[in-house]
Protein backbone atom coordinates (compact mmCIF):
# COMPACT_ATOMS: atom_id res chain seq x y z
CA UNK A 1 0.00 0.00 0.00
CA UNK A 2 1.18 3.47 -0.78
CA UNK A 3 1.42 6.24 1.80
CA UNK A 4 -1.49 8.01 0.11
CA UNK A 5 -3.73 4.93 0.43
CA UNK A 6 -2.73 4.44 4.07
CA UNK A 7 -3.47 8.12 4.82
CA UNK A 8 -6.82 7.85 3.02
CA UNK A 9 -7.71 4.77 5.09
CA UNK A 10 -6.79 6.65 8.28
CA UNK A 11 -8.94 9.63 7.26
CA UNK A 12 -11.82 7.32 6.38
CA UNK A 13 -11.61 5.74 9.83
CA UNK A 14 -11.58 9.17 11.50
CA UNK A 15 -14.67 10.24 9.54
CA UNK A 16 -16.47 7.01 10.35
CA UNK A 17 -15.59 7.31 14.04
CA UNK A 18 -17.04 10.84 14.04
CA UNK A 19 -20.17 9.63 12.25
CA UNK A 20 -20.60 6.86 14.84
CA UNK A 21 -20.30 9.37 17.71
CA UNK A 22 -22.78 11.72 16.05
CA UNK A 23 -25.23 8.85 15.45
CA UNK A 24 -25.07 8.07 19.17
CA UNK A 25 -25.70 11.73 19.99
CA UNK A 26 -28.71 11.75 17.66
CA UNK A 27 -30.20 8.62 19.23
CA UNK A 28 -29.74 9.85 22.80
CA UNK A 29 -31.04 13.31 21.86
CA UNK A 30 -34.14 11.81 20.26
CA UNK A 31 -34.63 9.64 23.34
CA UNK A 32 -34.51 12.72 25.57
CA UNK A 33 -36.84 14.61 23.23
CA UNK A 34 -39.39 11.81 23.29
CA UNK A 35 -39.30 11.68 27.10
CA UNK A 36 -40.50 15.28 27.08
CA UNK A 37 -43.07 14.77 24.35
CA UNK A 38 -44.45 11.75 26.24
CA UNK A 39 -44.88 13.99 29.30
CA UNK A 40 -46.61 16.59 27.12
CA UNK A 41 -48.92 13.88 25.74
CA UNK A 42 -49.88 12.75 29.24
CA UNK A 43 -50.46 16.34 30.32
CA UNK A 44 -52.63 17.02 27.27
CA UNK A 45 -54.62 13.84 27.84
CA UNK A 46 -55.21 14.61 31.51
CA UNK A 47 -56.55 18.06 30.62
CA UNK A 48 -58.49 16.96 27.54
CA UNK A 49 -56.33 19.03 25.19
CA UNK A 50 -56.00 18.12 21.50
CA UNK A 51 -53.07 15.87 20.59
CA UNK A 52 -51.77 18.26 17.95
CA UNK A 53 -51.07 21.99 17.90
CA UNK A 54 -50.90 23.05 14.24
CA UNK A 55 -49.73 26.60 15.04
CA UNK A 56 -46.82 25.32 17.14
CA UNK A 57 -45.97 22.67 14.56
CA UNK A 58 -45.85 25.31 11.83
CA UNK A 59 -43.64 27.56 13.97
CA UNK A 60 -41.34 24.66 14.82
CA UNK A 61 -40.96 23.73 11.15
CA UNK A 62 -40.09 27.33 10.25
CA UNK A 63 -37.60 27.49 13.12
CA UNK A 64 -36.00 24.21 12.10
CA UNK A 65 -35.74 25.31 8.47
CA UNK A 66 -33.89 28.43 9.64
CA UNK A 67 -31.59 26.38 11.87
CA UNK A 68 -30.95 23.95 9.03
CA UNK A 69 -30.07 26.79 6.70
CA UNK A 70 -27.61 28.21 9.24
CA UNK A 71 -26.12 24.72 9.76
CA UNK A 72 -25.70 24.17 6.00
CA UNK A 73 -28.26 21.36 6.10
CA UNK A 74 -30.83 21.05 3.34
CA UNK A 75 -33.93 22.78 4.79
CA UNK A 76 -36.24 20.42 2.89
CA UNK A 77 -34.55 17.43 4.53
CA UNK A 78 -34.86 19.12 7.94
CA UNK A 79 -38.55 19.79 7.28
CA UNK A 80 -39.19 16.15 6.30
CA UNK A 81 -37.30 14.97 9.38
CA UNK A 82 -39.29 17.21 11.73
CA UNK A 83 -42.58 16.28 10.05
CA UNK A 84 -41.72 12.63 10.67
CA UNK A 85 -40.99 13.32 14.33
CA UNK A 86 -44.14 15.44 14.75
CA UNK A 87 -46.30 12.68 13.25
CA UNK A 88 -44.81 10.19 15.70
CA UNK A 89 -45.36 12.53 18.64
CA UNK A 90 -48.99 13.17 17.65
CA UNK A 91 -49.56 9.42 17.47
CA UNK A 92 -48.10 9.03 20.96
CA UNK A 93 -50.36 11.83 22.21
CA UNK A 94 -53.40 10.14 20.64
CA UNK A 95 -52.40 6.89 22.33
CA UNK A 96 -52.33 8.67 25.71
CA UNK A 97 -55.82 10.02 25.08
CA UNK A 98 -57.11 6.56 24.20
CA UNK A 99 -55.95 5.16 27.55
CA UNK A 100 -58.53 5.18 30.35
């Protein structure tokens, strides 16, 4: 192997190690986020509040698009990602309301 190939392999490993750490951060961050949204769902259910809040969802999407733009992340991807999360949260909130 040439020095260039060895250096490329080392760089590849460094990038992959960083990706692995960031994936772990994403998973733990989502776990923490869902702990809070579960609490919100229980609170909404106990006070007979609707499971979704379209005005907040719209504001959150706009905020995330702005953050994505500042982070050099495709805002459309960020919007799809947040819409996916919001749909999951709403389903959790509906599940809390269905429980006696």
